[in-house]
Every structure is written in structure tokens, then in C-alpha cells.
Amino acid sequence: MSKQGLLIDYEYCSGCHSCEVACRKELGLSVGEWGIKIATIGPWQHDDESWEWNHIPIPTKLCDLCADRVAQGKKPACVHHCLAFCMEYGTVEELSKKMEEKGTKVFMVLP
């Protein structure tokens, strides 16, 4: 079986926190525990008067990529509930190809 991973394209993350809520519920985490956490960077203004404000979903050490859900043929909870559709789950090979096609605000997470 090919190694599986998570691709996050945070260019489109709206910071809605649905991934955090879904993860906490799926893993039964307590308040203050996170399987995935949204980091917010910004806002700041560029020279051309545009603004940048990034929301970056970051899996923590508690993330197991929803091993139980995946074993049942389902997507990880964060991917399933992402309202911005900025997370994808798949093989490292598939995700690597998609990563090449995306912009600069993308990263891959492996278990």
C-alpha cells in the first residue's frame, strides 16, 4: 500500500475552524487539545496597497490522519468537513503531482 498524506492549500483557507471542530469531535479531544489547529498570520499591508492575511491549518502530534475513518474507506474528518475544500487526502504520489500544480501556499503532511 502506498503511503498516504494530507495536502493543504492554505491559499484558500478561510479560517472557519471547521477542521478543528471536526477533528476534536472525531478524536474525542478536550478543550485545549488540538489534532489540527488554525494559525493566523496577518493581516499586513504590501507596498502596492494590497493586504495579506493567512489562515494555516497545522496538524499537531495528536493527528493520526483519522486512521479509524480511513480504515473504513472515509476521508479524514478535517478533509471531509473543510468548507473551503483546501485539504486533500491521498497517496504521496498523487499529492506530489497536485502540489506541483498549485501555488506557493501549499504543504504536505505525512503521518
Foldseek 3Di string as FASTA:
>chain_A
DFFKWKKFQFVQQPQPCQLFVQQCVLVVHDPPDTQKDWDKDDFDADPVRDTDITTDIGGDPNHPQSVVQVVVVHGRRSCVRRPRNRMDMDGPVVSVVVVVVDDDRMDMGGD
